[in-house]
Amino acid sequence: MLIQTESKAQGWRAVAVFDDRGDALIFVGRSSTQVRQEYLEAFAELLDDEEREHVTAIQLQQWSGAPDAGRWNHKANLKVPTPTKVRLAA
């Protein structure tokens, strides 16, 4: 019996690579375009300031294989957002 919960598999993801801990999933999407459009917002929402300082790379990965038997393949590195400093008016 085959149970499908999605019309299309979520085959792409963005993963943050840290210099001091294991990797962290940032965003999962149906296409590389969707992941590229959404990962910046997810990065800002999911990670606190201290965690963002330790991110060395963000990898774009694609699922290869069957839904229950496959692996994530590295496709590209995405731009790591730089922290923005808020200037206070004097």
N, C-alpha and C. Protein backbone atom coordinates (compact mmCIF):
# COMPACT_ATOMS: atom_id res chain seq x y z
N MET A 1 0.84 -1.18 0.00
CA MET A 1 0.00 0.00 0.00
C MET A 1 0.88 1.24 0.00
N LEU A 2 0.63 2.15 -0.93
CA LEU A 2 1.40 3.38 -1.05
C LEU A 2 0.57 4.55 -0.52
N ILE A 3 1.12 5.24 0.46
CA ILE A 3 0.45 6.41 1.02
C ILE A 3 1.28 7.64 0.66
N GLN A 4 0.67 8.53 -0.09
CA GLN A 4 1.36 9.75 -0.48
C GLN A 4 0.76 10.92 0.27
N THR A 5 1.59 11.67 0.96
CA THR A 5 1.10 12.82 1.71
C THR A 5 1.36 14.13 1.00
N GLU A 6 2.21 14.10 -0.02
CA GLU A 6 2.52 15.30 -0.78
C GLU A 6 2.40 15.02 -2.26
N SER A 7 2.00 16.02 -3.02
CA SER A 7 1.89 15.83 -4.46
C SER A 7 3.27 15.79 -5.11
N LYS A 8 4.24 16.44 -4.49
CA LYS A 8 5.60 16.45 -5.00
C LYS A 8 6.56 16.41 -3.81
N ALA A 9 7.60 15.65 -3.93
CA ALA A 9 8.56 15.51 -2.83
C ALA A 9 9.29 16.82 -2.55
N GLN A 10 9.63 17.00 -1.28
CA GLN A 10 10.43 18.15 -0.87
C GLN A 10 11.89 17.76 -1.07
N GLY A 11 12.42 18.00 -2.27
CA GLY A 11 13.71 17.44 -2.64
C GLY A 11 14.91 18.34 -2.49
N TRP A 12 14.76 19.53 -1.94
CA TRP A 12 15.88 20.45 -1.79
C TRP A 12 15.90 20.99 -0.37
N ARG A 13 17.11 21.34 0.12
CA ARG A 13 17.20 21.92 1.46
C ARG A 13 18.42 22.81 1.59
N ALA A 14 18.36 23.70 2.58
CA ALA A 14 19.49 24.54 2.95
C ALA A 14 19.94 24.11 4.35
N VAL A 15 21.24 23.89 4.51
CA VAL A 15 21.81 23.41 5.76
C VAL A 15 22.92 24.36 6.20
N ALA A 16 22.84 24.83 7.44
CA ALA A 16 23.90 25.69 7.99
C ALA A 16 25.01 24.80 8.54
N VAL A 17 26.25 25.15 8.20
CA VAL A 17 27.43 24.44 8.68
C VAL A 17 28.11 25.35 9.71
N PHE A 18 28.31 24.82 10.90
CA PHE A 18 28.90 25.59 12.00
C PHE A 18 30.36 25.22 12.20
N ASP A 19 31.11 26.12 12.81
CA ASP A 19 32.51 25.84 13.12
C ASP A 19 32.69 25.17 14.48
N ASP A 20 31.63 25.13 15.28
CA ASP A 20 31.78 24.62 16.65
C ASP A 20 30.73 23.57 17.05
N ARG A 21 29.91 23.09 16.12
CA ARG A 21 28.86 22.11 16.42
C ARG A 21 28.42 21.44 15.13
N GLY A 22 27.44 20.55 15.24
CA GLY A 22 26.91 19.86 14.06
C GLY A 22 26.10 20.78 13.17
N ASP A 23 25.81 20.32 11.98
CA ASP A 23 25.03 21.10 11.01
C ASP A 23 23.58 21.27 11.46
N ALA A 24 22.91 22.28 10.91
CA ALA A 24 21.51 22.54 11.26
C ALA A 24 20.69 22.77 9.99
N LEU A 25 19.56 22.12 9.93
CA LEU A 25 18.64 22.29 8.81
C LEU A 25 17.99 23.67 8.91
N ILE A 26 18.03 24.42 7.82
CA ILE A 26 17.46 25.77 7.80
C ILE A 26 16.11 25.79 7.08
N PHE A 27 16.06 25.15 5.91
CA PHE A 27 14.83 25.21 5.11
C PHE A 27 14.76 24.01 4.18
N VAL A 28 13.55 23.49 3.95
CA VAL A 28 13.30 22.40 3.01
C VAL A 28 12.25 22.88 2.01
N GLY A 29 12.50 22.62 0.72
CA GLY A 29 11.54 23.05 -0.30
C GLY A 29 11.47 22.11 -1.48
N ARG A 30 10.57 22.45 -2.40
CA ARG A 30 10.33 21.60 -3.58
C ARG A 30 11.32 21.87 -4.70
N SER A 31 11.95 23.05 -4.71
CA SER A 31 12.86 23.38 -5.80
C SER A 31 14.04 24.18 -5.25
N SER A 32 15.11 24.20 -6.03
CA SER A 32 16.27 25.00 -5.60
C SER A 32 15.90 26.48 -5.58
N THR A 33 15.03 26.90 -6.49
CA THR A 33 14.58 28.30 -6.52
C THR A 33 13.83 28.65 -5.25
N GLN A 34 12.95 27.78 -4.81
CA GLN A 34 12.20 28.05 -3.58
C GLN A 34 13.14 28.14 -2.38
N VAL A 35 14.09 27.24 -2.29
CA VAL A 35 15.04 27.26 -1.16
C VAL A 35 15.86 28.54 -1.21
N ARG A 36 16.35 28.92 -2.38
CA ARG A 36 17.15 30.15 -2.51
C ARG A 36 16.34 31.40 -2.11
N GLN A 37 15.04 31.39 -2.38
CA GLN A 37 14.19 32.54 -2.05
C GLN A 37 13.85 32.61 -0.57
N GLU A 38 13.79 31.48 0.10
CA GLU A 38 13.28 31.43 1.47
C GLU A 38 14.33 31.23 2.56
N TYR A 39 15.53 30.79 2.23
CA TYR A 39 16.47 30.43 3.29
C TYR A 39 16.94 31.63 4.13
N LEU A 40 17.01 32.82 3.54
CA LEU A 40 17.47 33.99 4.31
C LEU A 40 16.52 34.30 5.47
N GLU A 41 15.23 34.27 5.19
CA GLU A 41 14.24 34.54 6.24
C GLU A 41 14.28 33.45 7.31
N ALA A 42 14.40 32.21 6.87
CA ALA A 42 14.47 31.08 7.82
C ALA A 42 15.74 31.17 8.66
N PHE A 43 16.85 31.57 8.06
CA PHE A 43 18.12 31.73 8.77
C PHE A 43 17.96 32.74 9.91
N ALA A 44 17.36 33.88 9.60
CA ALA A 44 17.17 34.94 10.60
C ALA A 44 16.18 34.51 11.69
N GLU A 45 15.18 33.74 11.32
CA GLU A 45 14.15 33.32 12.26
C GLU A 45 14.61 32.20 13.19
N LEU A 46 15.35 31.25 12.66
CA LEU A 46 15.69 30.05 13.42
C LEU A 46 16.93 30.19 14.30
N LEU A 47 17.91 30.97 13.88
CA LEU A 47 19.17 31.05 14.60
C LEU A 47 19.27 32.35 15.38
N ASP A 48 19.82 32.27 16.60
CA ASP A 48 20.03 33.49 17.37
C ASP A 48 21.37 34.12 16.97
N ASP A 49 21.68 35.29 17.53
CA ASP A 49 22.89 36.02 17.15
C ASP A 49 24.16 35.19 17.36
N GLU A 50 24.24 34.51 18.50
CA GLU A 50 25.44 33.72 18.81
C GLU A 50 25.61 32.58 17.80
N GLU A 51 24.52 31.93 17.44
CA GLU A 51 24.59 30.83 16.46
C GLU A 51 24.99 31.35 15.09
N ARG A 52 24.43 32.48 14.67
CA ARG A 52 24.75 33.05 13.36
C ARG A 52 26.23 33.36 13.23
N GLU A 53 26.88 33.78 14.32
CA GLU A 53 28.30 34.10 14.28
C GLU A 53 29.17 32.88 13.97
N HIS A 54 28.68 31.69 14.26
CA HIS A 54 29.47 30.47 14.07
C HIS A 54 29.16 29.73 12.77
N VAL A 55 28.28 30.29 11.93
CA VAL A 55 27.98 29.65 10.65
C VAL A 55 29.12 29.95 9.68
N THR A 56 29.70 28.88 9.13
CA THR A 56 30.80 29.05 8.17
C THR A 56 30.33 28.90 6.73
N ALA A 57 29.21 28.21 6.52
CA ALA A 57 28.68 28.00 5.17
C ALA A 57 27.22 27.61 5.25
N ILE A 58 26.52 27.83 4.16
CA ILE A 58 25.16 27.32 4.00
C ILE A 58 25.17 26.51 2.71
N GLN A 59 24.85 25.24 2.83
CA GLN A 59 24.88 24.34 1.68
C GLN A 59 23.49 24.15 1.11
N LEU A 60 23.40 24.18 -0.22
CA LEU A 60 22.19 23.81 -0.94
C LEU A 60 22.36 22.34 -1.30
N GLN A 61 21.41 21.51 -0.86
CA GLN A 61 21.51 20.07 -1.08
C GLN A 61 20.25 19.56 -1.76
N GLN A 62 20.42 18.50 -2.58
CA GLN A 62 19.29 17.88 -3.28
C GLN A 62 19.21 16.40 -2.90
N TRP A 63 17.98 15.94 -2.69
CA TRP A 63 17.75 14.53 -2.38
C TRP A 63 17.93 13.70 -3.64
N SER A 64 18.65 12.61 -3.52
CA SER A 64 18.86 11.70 -4.63
C SER A 64 18.48 10.30 -4.20
N GLY A 65 17.54 9.70 -4.92
CA GLY A 65 17.12 8.35 -4.60
C GLY A 65 15.65 8.28 -4.28
N ALA A 66 15.23 7.10 -3.86
CA ALA A 66 13.84 6.87 -3.48
C ALA A 66 13.55 7.61 -2.17
N PRO A 67 12.28 7.89 -1.89
CA PRO A 67 11.93 8.60 -0.65
C PRO A 67 12.44 7.93 0.62
N ASP A 68 12.50 6.61 0.62
CA ASP A 68 12.95 5.91 1.82
C ASP A 68 14.37 5.35 1.71
N ALA A 69 15.03 5.60 0.61
CA ALA A 69 16.40 5.10 0.44
C ALA A 69 17.15 6.00 -0.52
N GLY A 70 17.90 6.90 0.02
CA GLY A 70 18.65 7.83 -0.80
C GLY A 70 19.60 8.62 0.07
N ARG A 71 20.07 9.74 -0.46
CA ARG A 71 20.97 10.58 0.33
C ARG A 71 20.92 12.02 -0.20
N TRP A 72 21.37 12.93 0.64
CA TRP A 72 21.44 14.34 0.27
C TRP A 72 22.78 14.60 -0.41
N ASN A 73 22.74 15.23 -1.59
CA ASN A 73 23.95 15.58 -2.33
C ASN A 73 24.15 17.09 -2.30
N HIS A 74 25.37 17.50 -2.03
CA HIS A 74 25.72 18.92 -2.03
C HIS A 74 25.71 19.43 -3.46
N LYS A 75 24.98 20.53 -3.71
CA LYS A 75 24.89 21.11 -5.04
C LYS A 75 25.60 22.44 -5.15
N ALA A 76 25.54 23.26 -4.10
CA ALA A 76 26.14 24.60 -4.15
C ALA A 76 26.23 25.16 -2.74
N ASN A 77 27.05 26.18 -2.59
CA ASN A 77 27.08 26.94 -1.34
C ASN A 77 26.27 28.20 -1.56
N LEU A 78 25.41 28.51 -0.61
CA LEU A 78 24.61 29.73 -0.64
C LEU A 78 25.31 30.81 0.17
N LYS A 79 24.96 32.03 -0.09
CA LYS A 79 25.58 33.16 0.62
C LYS A 79 25.16 33.14 2.09
N VAL A 80 26.16 33.27 2.96
CA VAL A 80 25.89 33.38 4.40
C VAL A 80 25.54 34.84 4.67
N PRO A 81 24.36 35.12 5.21
CA PRO A 81 23.98 36.51 5.47
C PRO A 81 24.94 37.15 6.48
N THR A 82 25.28 38.39 6.22
CA THR A 82 26.14 39.12 7.15
C THR A 82 25.26 39.84 8.15
N PRO A 83 25.71 39.88 9.40
CA PRO A 83 24.89 40.57 10.41
C PRO A 83 24.83 42.06 10.12
N THR A 84 23.67 42.63 10.33
CA THR A 84 23.51 44.07 10.12
C THR A 84 23.43 44.75 11.49
N LYS A 85 24.19 45.77 11.64
CA LYS A 85 24.21 46.54 12.89
C LYS A 85 23.19 47.67 12.76
N VAL A 86 22.39 47.81 13.75
CA VAL A 86 21.40 48.88 13.76
C VAL A 86 22.03 50.11 14.41
N ARG A 87 22.02 51.19 13.66
CA ARG A 87 22.58 52.44 14.20
C ARG A 87 21.49 53.18 14.95
N LEU A 88 21.82 53.58 16.15
CA LEU A 88 20.87 54.36 16.95
C LEU A 88 21.10 55.83 16.71
N ALA A 89 20.01 56.57 16.57
CA ALA A 89 20.12 58.03 16.36
C ALA A 89 20.56 58.67 17.66
N ALA A 90 21.49 59.59 17.57
CA ALA A 90 22.01 60.27 18.77
C ALA A 90 21.13 61.39 19.22
